C-alpha atoms as a PDB file:
ATOM      1  CA  MET A   1    -312.588  12.082 -94.156  1.00  0.00           C
ATOM      2  CA  ALA A   2    -310.813   9.262 -95.953  1.00  0.00           C
ATOM      3  CA  ASN A   3    -307.849  10.082 -98.144  1.00  0.00           C
ATOM      4  CA  HIS A   4    -307.591   6.968-100.299  1.00  0.00           C
ATOM      5  CA  LYS A   5    -309.897   6.291-103.213  1.00  0.00           C
ATOM      6  CA  SER A   6    -310.607   2.761-101.980  1.00  0.00           C
ATOM      7  CA  ALA A   7    -311.482   4.034 -98.496  1.00  0.00           C
ATOM      8  CA  ILE A   8    -313.937   6.549 -99.955  1.00  0.00           C
ATOM      9  CA  LYS A   9    -315.519   3.800-102.025  1.00  0.00           C
ATOM     10  CA  ARG A  10    -315.705   1.547 -98.966  1.00  0.00           C
ATOM     11  CA  ILE A  11    -317.545   4.259 -97.023  1.00  0.00           C
ATOM     12  CA  LYS A  12    -320.062   4.727 -99.851  1.00  0.00           C
ATOM     13  CA  THR A  13    -320.713   1.018-100.365  1.00  0.00           C
ATOM     14  CA  SER A  14    -320.977   0.272 -96.655  1.00  0.00           C
ATOM     15  CA  GLU A  15    -323.542   3.055 -96.275  1.00  0.00           C
ATOM     16  CA  LYS A  16    -325.586   1.662 -99.178  1.00  0.00           C
ATOM     17  CA  LYS A  17    -325.429  -1.841 -97.715  1.00  0.00           C
ATOM     18  CA  ARG A  18    -326.403  -0.562 -94.279  1.00  0.00           C
ATOM     19  CA  LEU A  19    -329.519   1.133 -95.631  1.00  0.00           C
ATOM     20  CA  HIS A  20    -330.363  -1.909 -97.746  1.00  0.00           C
ATOM     21  CA  ASN A  21    -330.021  -4.292 -94.792  1.00  0.00           C
ATOM     22  CA  ARG A  22    -331.981  -1.949 -92.559  1.00  0.00           C
ATOM     23  CA  TYR A  23    -334.864  -1.930 -95.026  1.00  0.00           C
ATOM     24  CA  TYR A  24    -334.945  -5.718 -95.257  1.00  0.00           C
ATOM     25  CA  ALA A  25    -334.600  -6.191 -91.513  1.00  0.00           C
ATOM     26  CA  ARG A  26    -337.534  -3.868 -90.922  1.00  0.00           C
ATOM     27  CA  SER A  27    -339.725  -5.489 -93.572  1.00  0.00           C
ATOM     28  CA  MET A  28    -338.800  -8.965 -92.294  1.00  0.00           C
ATOM     29  CA  ARG A  29    -339.862  -8.058 -88.758  1.00  0.00           C
ATOM     30  CA  SER A  30    -343.168  -6.619 -89.912  1.00  0.00           C
ATOM     31  CA  ALA A  31    -343.723  -9.683 -92.108  1.00  0.00           C
ATOM     32  CA  ILE A  32    -343.237 -11.960 -89.101  1.00  0.00           C
ATOM     33  CA  ARG A  33    -345.657  -9.836 -87.108  1.00  0.00           C
ATOM     34  CA  ASN A  34    -348.290 -10.047 -89.854  1.00  0.00           C
ATOM     35  CA  PHE A  35    -347.621 -13.757 -90.289  1.00  0.00           C
ATOM     36  CA  ALA A  36    -348.432 -14.320 -86.576  1.00  0.00           C
ATOM     37  CA  LYS A  37    -351.576 -12.180 -86.814  1.00  0.00           C
ATOM     38  CA  ARG A  38    -352.998 -14.455 -89.467  1.00  0.00           C
ATOM     39  CA  GLY A  39    -352.867 -17.368 -87.032  1.00  0.00           C
ATOM     40  CA  ILE A  40    -350.507 -19.354 -89.246  1.00  0.00           C
ATOM     41  CA  ILE A  41    -348.007 -19.809 -86.442  1.00  0.00           C
ATOM     42  CA  HIS A  42    -348.742 -19.769 -82.741  1.00  0.00           C
ATOM     43  CA  LYS A  43    -348.849 -16.373 -81.051  1.00  0.00           C
ATOM     44  CA  LYS A  44    -346.175 -17.279 -78.495  1.00  0.00           C
ATOM     45  CA  LYS A  45    -343.923 -18.796 -81.162  1.00  0.00           C
ATOM     46  CA  ALA A  46    -344.108 -15.486 -83.027  1.00  0.00           C
ATOM     47  CA  ALA A  47    -343.298 -13.620 -79.818  1.00  0.00           C
ATOM     48  CA  ASN A  48    -340.217 -15.812 -79.341  1.00  0.00           C
ATOM     49  CA  LEU A  49    -339.096 -15.142 -82.913  1.00  0.00           C
ATOM     50  CA  LYS A  50    -339.584 -11.396 -82.490  1.00  0.00           C
ATOM     51  CA  SER A  51    -337.644 -11.293 -79.242  1.00  0.00           C
ATOM     52  CA  LYS A  52    -334.826 -13.314 -80.794  1.00  0.00           C
ATOM     53  CA  LEU A  53    -334.694 -10.886 -83.724  1.00  0.00           C
ATOM     54  CA  THR A  54    -334.601  -7.841 -81.471  1.00  0.00           C
ATOM     55  CA  LYS A  55    -331.748  -9.388 -79.463  1.00  0.00           C
ATOM     56  CA  GLN A  56    -329.753  -9.998 -82.633  1.00  0.00           C
ATOM     57  CA  ILE A  57    -330.418  -6.477 -83.897  1.00  0.00           C
ATOM     58  CA  ALA A  58    -329.384  -4.989 -80.543  1.00  0.00           C
ATOM     59  CA  VAL A  59    -326.035  -6.746 -80.911  1.00  0.00           C
ATOM     60  CA  LEU A  60    -325.551  -5.152 -84.340  1.00  0.00           C
END
């Protein structure tokens, strides 16, 4: 466990940010999926976007 006050705060804030980003990443991916289902963008274009997103997330 961290000994410094600032390090403890950093751990707390980074955890909050991680959960926040995770929520938005998940909702963004599902939004793209739903967007493709409506036929607004081409099916294969949506597939390319999804694969690009999963590659970026795998890097994280």
